[in-house]
Amino acid sequence: MTPSTICRILLITTGLWLNLAVATPVVPLGRELLAVHRETILRVFLPRDLRAAVSLSCLECRSALGALSLWISAGATLEDVENFAINECITLNLFPGDVCFGMVKLAGPEVLYVFSNSDYSHDTMCGWMFGLDCVHTELDPWTVEIPGGKPEPNHPEPVQPTPSVKKILHLSDLHVDLLYDEGSAAVCDHPYCCRNAFGTAGPGVPAAGHWGTLAYCDIPLHTLEDLLSQAAEITTPDLVYITGDLPPHDVWAQNHATNLIAIETTMELVRKHFPDVPVLNTLGNHASAPVNSFVVPAAYGDGWSMSWLYDSVADLWAEWLPESALVDVRRGGFYQYSPVSGLRVISLNMNFCNTINWWLLIRNEDPVEQLKWFVETLGNAEAAGEAVHIIGHIPTGGGDCEHTWSHVFNQIVYRYESTIRGIFFGHTHGDSWSVYYDMDTYTRPVAVSFISPSGTTGTSHHPAFKVFEVDGGHEDATWVILDATAYSTNLTEANMEEALQYIL
């Protein structure tokens, strides 16, 4: 296999890692490239009678990784691989030049480090990371110790009429684009659009609207501020949960500084519109640059770190959290805090279950000992008779959360089902819910997670937010969810009428 073939396949897989190829018109081209190389690889590596029995795409991926390993062993440097990949990306017209350059330069050092230092086979890398039909598609299983002594299940029903109701505003996936340009091309050759730098509107090319656009675009700053303003006025919340993903989707053009600016700008607006309300945050996969990249402590000794992000958000969240919680934020991006008497909120860093966080190929067994801490925190809440709400970004049980991590999480939820009164996720940009069942018969519901809609557009979603009414604020409060209401706006109408209106 030639270096050209290697880089072509690696560019496609790197694009998947960075969430580019899966959301743009280059997907058919990527598949076409795989098909072009499939015949050659089969003739070289497989006897004719075995060709039909092997997944060709997995074979191609494994072959590319094997050839890359040989190329590096022969003396190819990081710069060699990056430069060749950028040139091939441009030559093949996979992406515009700035996307090729940014994508490779941003992800290249980390990808090659993980590739060179992982103990997993090329088959597992291809099968797990890219979901290909390989022999091995899962990382090594593991578990955490969960104490016995589970009490009889108790799912309390609030006294009716409820003496007091508290409202929790759930915001997620706000993805503000500080460089959004009204009137720019809403459809362009970049993975995301609505910036003058990516194209101008014209005949047959729709223009980016004032409030946003139902296309591969994020929302402008004034739309974010209007959303927060109306959410505060409509819901008058007692608590605010923000489940991550504040930077935009221009993942090829990002760095630590740009992402922190988006996060800090959003937090400033949150403070402005909810001045006296406790705000509890989580980290989404788009908080990091490169996207999805959350370094595991096992790599810290080689100079990699997450302190640029964890320390920064700890400073931003300090207005709402005590120092005891910020210690865990700086350690691993998670924390626990009791904003009101009787309720403990546990914020999990779900990026260590993210199936496209390549750092899990270095260590996937509870990398920051977060789930061990999770069990201890729930045990303390159980002993204190507290109710617990869990907030996080990536929902468990789906393809975006690593199988073993998700399974262990389910075991923990089952053990502490009487203590957990609410689970809140984001990430999907949709409005949905998921049921957790007992681990004995898988027939008895034990908990429900609520996945709230996004504030950004990102193709076909109108900006939205959700408010939950819970039984809280009195002596016998259960903190269970009584009702949920989603509010959304219609961008098409808003851009014509020059005003946003959030309605049921």
Protein backbone atom coordinates (compact mmCIF):
# COMPACT_ATOMS: atom_id res chain seq x y z
CA MET A 1 0.00 0.00 0.00
CA THR A 2 1.38 3.38 -0.99
CA PRO A 3 1.63 6.35 1.40
CA SER A 4 -1.03 8.00 -0.77
CA THR A 5 -3.50 5.20 -0.08
CA ILE A 6 -2.70 5.33 3.64
CA CYS A 7 -3.33 9.04 3.88
CA ARG A 8 -6.52 8.93 1.87
CA ILE A 9 -8.03 6.41 4.26
CA LEU A 10 -6.64 8.21 7.32
CA LEU A 11 -8.14 11.49 6.12
CA ILE A 12 -11.55 9.87 5.89
CA THR A 13 -11.26 8.33 9.34
CA THR A 14 -9.85 11.54 10.83
CA GLY A 15 -12.82 13.38 9.34
CA LEU A 16 -15.11 10.95 11.14
CA TRP A 17 -13.19 11.51 14.38
CA LEU A 18 -13.73 15.25 14.06
CA ASN A 19 -17.41 14.91 13.20
CA LEU A 20 -16.86 16.33 9.73
CA ALA A 21 -17.55 13.62 7.18
CA VAL A 22 -20.65 12.43 8.98
CA ALA A 23 -22.34 15.79 8.57
CA THR A 24 -21.33 16.98 5.12
CA PRO A 25 -21.71 16.08 1.45
CA VAL A 26 -18.24 14.48 1.43
CA VAL A 27 -19.65 11.21 2.78
CA PRO A 28 -20.43 9.73 -0.64
CA LEU A 29 -16.96 10.75 -1.83
CA GLY A 30 -15.39 9.04 1.20
CA ARG A 31 -17.28 5.85 0.47
CA GLU A 32 -16.30 6.08 -3.17
CA LEU A 33 -12.64 6.29 -2.19
CA LEU A 34 -13.01 3.22 -0.01
CA ALA A 35 -14.57 1.35 -2.91
CA VAL A 36 -11.77 2.38 -5.25
CA HIS A 37 -9.09 0.94 -2.94
CA ARG A 38 -11.03 -2.13 -1.86
CA GLU A 39 -10.29 -4.22 -4.98
CA THR A 40 -6.57 -3.57 -4.80
CA ILE A 41 -6.33 -4.38 -1.11
CA LEU A 42 -8.28 -7.60 -1.54
CA ARG A 43 -6.04 -8.81 -4.35
CA VAL A 44 -2.93 -8.10 -2.32
CA PHE A 45 -3.98 -9.45 1.07
CA LEU A 46 -6.66 -12.10 0.62
CA PRO A 47 -6.93 -15.47 -1.11
CA ARG A 48 -9.79 -15.36 -3.56
CA ASP A 49 -11.93 -17.90 -1.67
CA LEU A 50 -11.92 -15.75 1.51
CA ARG A 51 -12.79 -12.43 -0.03
CA ALA A 52 -16.55 -12.73 0.45
CA ALA A 53 -16.19 -13.72 4.12
CA VAL A 54 -14.32 -10.64 5.30
CA SER A 55 -15.63 -7.14 5.89
CA LEU A 56 -13.86 -5.15 3.23
CA SER A 57 -14.09 -1.80 4.98
CA CYS A 58 -12.60 -3.26 8.15
CA LEU A 59 -9.86 -4.92 6.16
CA GLU A 60 -9.08 -1.66 4.43
CA CYS A 61 -8.91 0.20 7.73
CA ARG A 62 -6.66 -2.43 9.33
CA SER A 63 -4.41 -2.47 6.30
CA ALA A 64 -4.06 1.29 6.35
CA LEU A 65 -3.15 1.31 10.04
CA GLY A 66 -0.67 -1.50 9.53
CA ALA A 67 0.97 0.32 6.65
CA LEU A 68 1.07 3.53 8.65
CA SER A 69 2.84 1.68 11.45
CA LEU A 70 5.46 0.43 9.00
CA TRP A 71 5.87 3.90 7.53
CA ILE A 72 6.48 5.41 10.97
CA SER A 73 8.90 2.59 11.81
CA ALA A 74 10.79 3.41 8.65
CA GLY A 75 11.33 6.97 9.87
CA ALA A 76 8.27 8.97 8.87
CA THR A 77 7.84 11.91 11.26
CA LEU A 78 4.69 13.62 12.48
CA GLU A 79 5.42 16.47 10.08
CA ASP A 80 5.83 14.01 7.19
CA VAL A 81 2.46 12.43 7.84
CA GLU A 82 0.70 15.76 8.41
CA ASN A 83 2.09 17.44 5.30
CA PHE A 84 1.32 14.49 3.09
CA ALA A 85 -2.18 14.23 4.51
CA ILE A 86 -2.89 17.92 3.93
CA ASN A 87 -1.67 17.74 0.33
CA GLU A 88 -3.72 14.61 -0.37
CA CYS A 89 -6.83 16.15 1.21
CA ILE A 90 -6.53 19.20 -1.03
CA THR A 91 -5.65 17.19 -4.15
CA LEU A 92 -8.60 14.84 -3.68
CA ASN A 93 -10.92 17.78 -2.97
CA LEU A 94 -12.18 16.13 0.21
CA PHE A 95 -12.54 19.50 1.96
CA PRO A 96 -11.56 23.12 1.28
CA GLY A 97 -7.88 23.83 1.91
CA ASP A 98 -8.36 25.55 5.26
CA VAL A 99 -10.38 22.59 6.54
CA CYS A 100 -7.72 20.13 5.35
CA PHE A 101 -4.97 22.09 7.04
CA GLY A 102 -6.85 22.78 10.26
CA MET A 103 -8.22 19.27 10.61
CA VAL A 104 -4.86 17.57 10.20
CA LYS A 105 -2.81 20.03 12.26
CA LEU A 106 -5.29 20.00 15.13
CA ALA A 107 -5.81 16.26 15.39
CA GLY A 108 -2.56 14.91 13.97
CA PRO A 109 -0.31 15.01 17.05
CA GLU A 110 -2.89 13.39 19.31
CA VAL A 111 -4.01 10.76 16.82
CA LEU A 112 -0.47 9.62 16.09
CA TYR A 113 0.42 9.58 19.80
CA VAL A 114 -2.59 7.40 20.61
CA PHE A 115 -1.94 5.18 17.61
CA SER A 116 1.69 4.68 18.61
CA ASN A 117 1.02 4.10 22.32
CA SER A 118 -2.20 2.10 22.43
CA ASP A 119 -2.09 -1.58 23.38
CA TYR A 120 -5.17 -2.29 21.31
CA SER A 121 -4.90 -4.06 17.97
CA HIS A 122 -5.60 -2.37 14.67
CA ASP A 123 -8.70 -4.56 14.38
CA THR A 124 -10.08 -3.20 17.66
CA MET A 125 -9.20 0.38 16.72
CA CYS A 126 -11.13 0.05 13.48
CA GLY A 127 -14.02 -1.90 14.97
CA TRP A 128 -14.53 0.25 18.06
CA MET A 129 -13.69 3.75 16.88
CA PHE A 130 -15.34 3.57 13.47
CA GLY A 131 -18.03 0.98 14.06
CA LEU A 132 -16.73 -1.25 11.29
CA ASP A 133 -17.62 -4.91 11.05
CA CYS A 134 -14.39 -6.18 12.55
CA VAL A 135 -13.75 -9.22 14.74
CA HIS A 136 -13.23 -6.99 17.78
CA THR A 137 -15.59 -4.06 18.17
CA GLU A 138 -15.41 -3.41 21.92
CA LEU A 139 -12.71 -2.25 24.31
CA ASP A 140 -11.70 -4.48 27.22
CA PRO A 141 -14.49 -4.87 29.80
CA TRP A 142 -14.08 -3.61 33.34
CA THR A 143 -16.16 -2.80 36.39
CA VAL A 144 -16.17 -0.81 39.62
CA GLU A 145 -17.04 -2.04 43.08
CA ILE A 146 -20.66 -1.31 43.97
CA PRO A 147 -21.64 -1.84 47.62
CA GLY A 148 -24.37 -4.30 48.55
CA GLY A 149 -27.06 -3.66 51.11
CA LYS A 150 -29.45 -2.17 48.60
CA PRO A 151 -32.65 -1.04 50.36
CA GLU A 152 -36.06 -2.04 49.10
CA PRO A 153 -36.88 0.09 46.03
CA ASN A 154 -38.64 3.28 47.03
CA HIS A 155 -39.97 5.68 44.43
CA PRO A 156 -41.89 8.22 46.52
CA GLU A 157 -45.08 9.80 45.30
CA PRO A 158 -45.37 13.49 46.22
CA VAL A 159 -48.16 14.49 48.53
CA GLN A 160 -51.03 16.02 46.58
CA PRO A 161 -51.57 18.85 46.36
CA THR A 162 -47.81 19.46 46.41
CA PRO A 163 -46.96 22.05 49.08
CA SER A 164 -44.29 23.61 46.88
CA VAL A 165 -43.08 23.26 43.30
CA LYS A 166 -39.63 24.26 42.08
CA LYS A 167 -38.75 24.90 38.44
CA ILE A 168 -35.56 23.70 36.78
CA LEU A 169 -34.58 25.21 33.43
CA HIS A 170 -32.61 22.77 31.26
CA LEU A 171 -30.41 24.32 28.55
CA SER A 172 -28.19 22.26 26.27
CA ASP A 173 -26.09 22.45 23.12
CA LEU A 174 -26.19 26.23 22.75
CA HIS A 175 -23.26 26.26 20.27
CA VAL A 176 -22.96 30.01 19.82
CA ASP A 177 -21.12 31.17 16.69
CA LEU A 178 -19.41 34.47 17.48
CA LEU A 179 -18.45 34.84 13.81
CA TYR A 180 -21.94 34.30 12.36
CA ASP A 181 -22.67 36.69 9.46
CA GLU A 182 -26.21 37.56 8.50
CA GLY A 183 -26.57 37.40 4.72
CA SER A 184 -23.67 35.01 4.18
CA ALA A 185 -24.12 31.70 2.38
CA ALA A 186 -26.22 29.23 4.37
CA VAL A 187 -25.04 26.45 2.06
CA CYS A 188 -21.34 26.23 1.30
CA ASP A 189 -18.46 23.83 0.67
CA HIS A 190 -17.37 23.92 4.32
CA PRO A 191 -18.72 21.51 6.93
CA TYR A 192 -20.51 24.43 8.61
CA CYS A 193 -21.58 27.70 6.99
CA CYS A 194 -23.17 31.11 7.69
CA ARG A 195 -19.93 33.07 7.69
CA ASN A 196 -18.73 35.47 5.00
CA ALA A 197 -15.39 33.68 5.02
CA PHE A 198 -17.12 30.50 3.84
CA GLY A 199 -19.16 32.01 1.02
CA THR A 200 -21.67 34.68 0.05
CA ALA A 201 -25.31 34.22 -0.82
CA GLY A 202 -26.46 34.58 -4.40
CA PRO A 203 -28.67 32.99 -7.05
CA GLY A 204 -29.55 29.51 -5.83
CA VAL A 205 -27.59 30.01 -2.59
CA PRO A 206 -29.78 30.85 0.43
CA ALA A 207 -28.67 33.59 2.80
CA ALA A 208 -28.11 33.25 6.55
CA GLY A 209 -31.03 34.75 8.42
CA HIS A 210 -30.85 37.40 11.13
CA TRP A 211 -31.81 35.02 13.96
CA GLY A 212 -30.24 31.88 12.51
CA THR A 213 -30.74 29.40 9.70
CA LEU A 214 -32.01 25.83 9.38
CA ALA A 215 -28.82 24.65 7.74
CA TYR A 216 -25.33 23.55 8.77
CA CYS A 217 -25.00 26.68 10.89
CA ASP A 218 -24.97 27.61 14.57
CA ILE A 219 -26.75 30.56 16.19
CA PRO A 220 -25.44 34.14 16.37
CA LEU A 221 -24.72 35.81 19.70
CA HIS A 222 -27.87 37.95 19.70
CA THR A 223 -30.02 34.83 19.23
CA LEU A 224 -28.35 33.19 22.22
CA GLU A 225 -28.95 36.27 24.34
CA ASP A 226 -32.59 36.46 23.27
CA LEU A 227 -33.06 32.77 24.09
CA LEU A 228 -31.63 33.24 27.59
CA SER A 229 -33.66 36.39 28.15
CA GLN A 230 -36.93 34.75 27.16
CA ALA A 231 -36.13 31.55 29.04
CA ALA A 232 -35.57 33.56 32.21
CA GLU A 233 -38.79 35.53 31.73
CA ILE A 234 -40.98 32.58 30.74
CA THR A 235 -39.78 30.01 33.25
CA THR A 236 -38.52 32.08 36.25
CA PRO A 237 -36.43 29.06 37.29
CA ASP A 238 -35.19 28.15 40.73
CA LEU A 239 -32.30 26.15 39.26
CA VAL A 240 -30.59 26.05 35.86
CA TYR A 241 -28.95 22.92 34.43
CA ILE A 242 -26.68 23.46 31.40
CA THR A 243 -25.59 20.14 29.92
CA GLY A 244 -22.71 21.21 27.75
CA ASP A 245 -21.61 22.02 24.20
CA LEU A 246 -21.25 25.80 24.14
CA PRO A 247 -18.62 26.34 21.34
CA PRO A 248 -19.69 26.20 17.67
CA HIS A 249 -19.18 23.38 15.18
CA ASP A 250 -16.23 24.86 13.26
CA VAL A 251 -14.08 22.10 14.73
CA TRP A 252 -11.31 22.38 12.11
CA ALA A 253 -10.72 26.06 12.99
CA GLN A 254 -10.69 25.78 16.76
CA ASN A 255 -8.03 25.86 19.44
CA HIS A 256 -8.03 26.10 23.22
CA ALA A 257 -8.44 29.88 23.17
CA THR A 258 -11.39 30.01 20.75
CA ASN A 259 -13.33 27.40 22.70
CA LEU A 260 -12.71 29.12 26.01
CA ILE A 261 -13.93 32.42 24.53
CA ALA A 262 -17.20 30.79 23.47
CA ILE A 263 -17.63 29.18 26.89
CA GLU A 264 -16.78 32.37 28.77
CA THR A 265 -19.09 34.50 26.58
CA THR A 266 -21.97 32.12 27.20
CA MET A 267 -21.34 32.07 30.95
CA GLU A 268 -21.34 35.87 31.04
CA LEU A 269 -24.78 35.93 29.44
CA VAL A 270 -26.02 33.25 31.83
CA ARG A 271 -24.87 35.34 34.80
CA LYS A 272 -26.57 38.39 33.31
CA HIS A 273 -29.97 36.76 32.82
CA PHE A 274 -29.99 34.50 35.89
CA PRO A 275 -28.27 36.70 38.47
CA ASP A 276 -29.63 35.06 41.62
CA VAL A 277 -30.18 31.49 40.40
CA PRO A 278 -27.86 28.51 41.07
CA VAL A 279 -26.45 27.29 37.74
CA LEU A 280 -25.04 23.78 37.39
CA ASN A 281 -22.93 22.99 34.30
CA THR A 282 -21.46 19.94 32.61
CA LEU A 283 -18.82 19.58 29.90
CA GLY A 284 -19.85 18.53 26.39
CA ASN A 285 -17.70 16.86 23.77
CA HIS A 286 -17.38 20.18 21.91
CA ALA A 287 -15.77 21.91 24.89
CA SER A 288 -12.38 20.49 23.96
CA ALA A 289 -10.13 21.20 21.00
CA PRO A 290 -9.74 18.93 19.14
CA VAL A 291 -13.41 18.04 19.50
CA ASN A 292 -14.09 14.83 21.46
CA SER A 293 -10.54 14.82 22.80
CA PHE A 294 -10.40 14.38 26.57
CA VAL A 295 -6.95 13.23 27.63
CA VAL A 296 -6.79 10.36 30.13
CA PRO A 297 -4.44 10.78 33.13
CA ALA A 298 -2.39 7.83 31.89
CA ALA A 299 -0.96 10.19 29.23
CA TYR A 300 -0.27 13.11 31.54
CA GLY A 301 3.28 11.90 32.14
CA ASP A 302 4.09 12.46 28.46
CA GLY A 303 3.10 16.11 28.58
CA TRP A 304 -0.59 15.87 27.64
CA SER A 305 -3.09 17.62 29.89
CA MET A 306 -6.65 18.83 30.32
CA SER A 307 -5.79 21.56 32.80
CA TRP A 308 -6.29 24.26 30.14
CA LEU A 309 -10.00 23.36 30.13
CA TYR A 310 -10.65 22.07 33.66
CA ASP A 311 -8.93 24.99 35.40
CA SER A 312 -10.67 27.51 33.15
CA VAL A 313 -14.19 26.19 33.67
CA ALA A 314 -13.50 25.85 37.41
CA ASP A 315 -12.85 29.59 37.46
CA LEU A 316 -16.00 30.29 35.44
CA TRP A 317 -18.19 28.01 37.57
CA ALA A 318 -16.77 29.33 40.87
CA GLU A 319 -19.67 31.77 41.16
CA TRP A 320 -22.05 28.85 41.72
CA LEU A 321 -19.83 26.16 43.28
CA PRO A 322 -17.83 25.91 46.51
CA GLU A 323 -14.10 25.15 46.47
CA SER A 324 -14.78 21.56 47.56
CA ALA A 325 -16.60 20.97 44.26
CA LEU A 326 -14.04 22.85 42.18
CA VAL A 327 -11.30 20.47 43.33
CA ASP A 328 -13.03 17.67 41.40
CA VAL A 329 -13.66 19.94 38.42
CA ARG A 330 -9.92 20.60 38.16
CA ARG A 331 -9.18 16.90 38.61
CA GLY A 332 -11.54 15.47 36.05
CA GLY A 333 -14.27 17.86 34.93
CA PHE A 334 -16.95 16.47 37.30
CA TYR A 335 -18.33 17.52 40.70
CA GLN A 336 -21.17 17.23 43.22
CA TYR A 337 -22.95 20.04 45.01
CA SER A 338 -26.11 20.65 47.01
CA PRO A 339 -27.63 23.92 45.72
CA VAL A 340 -30.66 23.60 48.01
CA SER A 341 -31.34 21.59 51.15
CA GLY A 342 -32.30 17.98 50.46
CA LEU A 343 -31.08 17.88 46.84
CA ARG A 344 -27.62 16.89 45.67
CA VAL A 345 -26.67 17.45 42.03
CA ILE A 346 -23.97 15.23 40.52
CA SER A 347 -22.37 16.56 37.34
CA LEU A 348 -20.61 13.85 35.35
CA ASN A 349 -17.98 14.27 32.64
CA MET A 350 -19.54 11.96 30.07
CA ASN A 351 -16.65 12.44 27.67
CA PHE A 352 -14.93 9.43 29.21
CA CYS A 353 -17.67 7.28 27.73
CA ASN A 354 -17.52 9.00 24.33
CA THR A 355 -16.90 6.39 21.63
CA ILE A 356 -14.95 8.89 19.54
CA ASN A 357 -12.65 10.03 22.32
CA TRP A 358 -9.50 8.41 20.96
CA TRP A 359 -7.76 8.73 24.34
CA LEU A 360 -9.81 5.78 25.60
CA LEU A 361 -7.57 3.62 23.42
CA ILE A 362 -4.82 4.45 25.94
CA ARG A 363 -6.94 3.66 29.02
CA ASN A 364 -10.67 3.04 29.09
CA GLU A 365 -11.08 1.57 32.60
CA ASP A 366 -12.69 4.43 34.55
CA PRO A 367 -9.85 6.72 33.39
CA VAL A 368 -10.21 9.44 36.05
CA GLU A 369 -11.85 7.15 38.65
CA GLN A 370 -15.03 9.14 38.13
CA LEU A 371 -17.44 6.22 38.46
CA LYS A 372 -15.71 5.08 41.66
CA TRP A 373 -16.28 8.61 42.99
CA PHE A 374 -19.85 8.49 41.65
CA VAL A 375 -20.61 5.39 43.72
CA GLU A 376 -19.12 6.96 46.85
CA THR A 377 -21.10 10.18 46.34
CA LEU A 378 -24.37 8.31 45.86
CA GLY A 379 -23.62 6.23 48.95
CA ASN A 380 -23.15 9.39 51.01
CA ALA A 381 -26.39 10.85 49.65
CA GLU A 382 -28.25 7.63 50.45
CA ALA A 383 -26.94 7.66 54.02
CA ALA A 384 -27.94 11.32 54.43
CA GLY A 385 -31.41 10.77 53.01
CA GLU A 386 -30.79 13.20 50.15
CA ALA A 387 -32.35 13.09 46.72
CA VAL A 388 -29.98 13.18 43.74
CA HIS A 389 -30.21 14.70 40.28
CA ILE A 390 -27.59 13.63 37.73
CA ILE A 391 -26.58 15.92 34.88
CA GLY A 392 -24.31 15.04 31.97
CA HIS A 393 -23.89 15.59 28.25
CA ILE A 394 -23.79 12.30 26.32
CA PRO A 395 -26.69 9.96 27.15
CA THR A 396 -25.89 6.40 28.12
CA GLY A 397 -27.30 3.42 26.30
CA GLY A 398 -26.72 4.74 22.79
CA GLY A 399 -23.97 4.40 20.25
CA ASP A 400 -22.11 7.49 21.46
CA CYS A 401 -21.43 6.10 24.96
CA GLU A 402 -18.92 3.25 25.31
CA HIS A 403 -20.61 -0.06 26.02
CA THR A 404 -18.86 -1.01 29.26
CA TRP A 405 -19.04 2.51 30.71
CA SER A 406 -22.74 2.62 29.92
CA HIS A 407 -23.30 -0.81 31.47
CA VAL A 408 -21.48 0.11 34.69
CA PHE A 409 -23.47 3.36 34.87
CA ASN A 410 -26.69 1.35 34.56
CA GLN A 411 -25.57 -0.94 37.40
CA ILE A 412 -24.94 2.09 39.60
CA VAL A 413 -28.32 3.63 38.75
CA TYR A 414 -30.00 0.32 39.61
CA ARG A 415 -28.21 0.09 42.96
CA TYR A 416 -29.17 3.66 43.94
CA GLU A 417 -32.56 3.83 42.23
CA SER A 418 -34.25 4.99 45.46
CA THR A 419 -31.86 7.95 45.78
CA ILE A 420 -31.76 9.12 42.15
CA ARG A 421 -34.79 11.27 41.32
CA GLY A 422 -33.79 12.70 37.95
CA ILE A 423 -31.23 12.28 35.15
CA PHE A 424 -30.68 15.02 32.57
CA PHE A 425 -28.66 14.78 29.33
CA GLY A 426 -28.23 16.70 26.06
CA HIS A 427 -25.98 16.00 23.03
CA THR A 428 -28.55 14.63 20.56
CA HIS A 429 -30.13 18.07 19.88
CA GLY A 430 -33.52 16.35 20.10
CA ASP A 431 -36.21 16.13 22.77
CA SER A 432 -36.57 12.60 24.12
CA TRP A 433 -36.29 10.36 27.15
CA SER A 434 -34.85 6.97 28.04
CA VAL A 435 -35.89 4.33 30.58
CA TYR A 436 -33.49 2.37 32.81
CA TYR A 437 -34.54 -1.12 33.87
CA ASP A 438 -33.59 -3.41 36.74
CA MET A 439 -30.45 -5.51 36.23
CA ASP A 440 -32.12 -8.77 37.30
CA THR A 441 -35.03 -9.22 34.92
CA TYR A 442 -34.75 -6.10 32.74
CA THR A 443 -38.51 -5.67 33.06
CA ARG A 444 -38.97 -3.21 35.94
CA PRO A 445 -38.34 0.48 35.24
CA VAL A 446 -36.02 2.04 37.84
CA ALA A 447 -35.17 5.47 36.44
CA VAL A 448 -35.75 7.82 33.51
CA SER A 449 -33.30 10.16 31.80
CA PHE A 450 -34.56 13.28 30.06
CA ILE A 451 -32.70 14.45 26.95
CA SER A 452 -33.51 18.07 26.23
CA PRO A 453 -33.46 19.87 22.86
CA SER A 454 -30.67 22.12 21.62
CA GLY A 455 -30.42 25.86 21.64
CA THR A 456 -28.63 25.81 18.29
CA THR A 457 -29.98 24.92 14.87
CA GLY A 458 -27.43 22.53 13.35
CA THR A 459 -29.46 21.63 10.25
CA SER A 460 -33.14 21.19 11.12
CA HIS A 461 -33.65 22.12 14.79
CA HIS A 462 -35.37 25.30 15.88
CA PRO A 463 -33.77 26.77 19.04
CA ALA A 464 -35.43 25.38 22.17
CA PHE A 465 -35.23 24.92 25.92
CA LYS A 466 -37.08 22.87 28.50
CA VAL A 467 -38.38 23.50 32.02
CA PHE A 468 -39.11 20.83 34.61
CA GLU A 469 -41.46 21.22 37.55
CA VAL A 470 -40.30 19.19 40.56
CA ASP A 471 -41.62 18.50 44.02
CA GLY A 472 -39.25 20.62 46.09
CA GLY A 473 -38.79 23.38 48.59
CA HIS A 474 -40.68 21.88 51.55
CA GLU A 475 -39.90 19.58 54.45
CA ASP A 476 -41.02 16.35 52.77
CA ALA A 477 -39.82 17.24 49.26
CA THR A 478 -39.06 14.26 47.03
CA TRP A 479 -37.49 16.23 44.16
CA VAL A 480 -39.18 13.95 41.65
CA ILE A 481 -40.27 15.41 38.33
CA LEU A 482 -43.92 16.38 38.15
CA ASP A 483 -44.10 17.88 34.68
CA ALA A 484 -41.91 18.99 31.77
CA THR A 485 -42.53 21.67 29.15
CA ALA A 486 -40.47 22.36 26.03
CA TYR A 487 -40.45 25.79 24.40
CA SER A 488 -39.22 26.39 20.86
CA THR A 489 -39.21 29.14 18.28
CA ASN A 490 -39.82 29.11 14.55
CA LEU A 491 -36.77 30.60 12.85
CA THR A 492 -38.45 30.87 9.47
CA GLU A 493 -41.18 33.08 10.91
CA ALA A 494 -38.76 34.93 13.18
CA ASN A 495 -36.52 35.93 10.27
CA MET A 496 -39.55 37.30 8.40
CA GLU A 497 -41.09 39.06 11.39
CA GLU A 498 -37.78 40.14 12.90
CA ALA A 499 -38.69 38.78 16.34
CA LEU A 500 -38.28 35.48 18.16
CA GLN A 501 -41.18 33.99 20.05
CA TYR A 502 -40.79 30.88 22.21
CA ILE A 503 -44.01 28.92 22.49
CA LEU A 504 -45.13 25.45 23.62
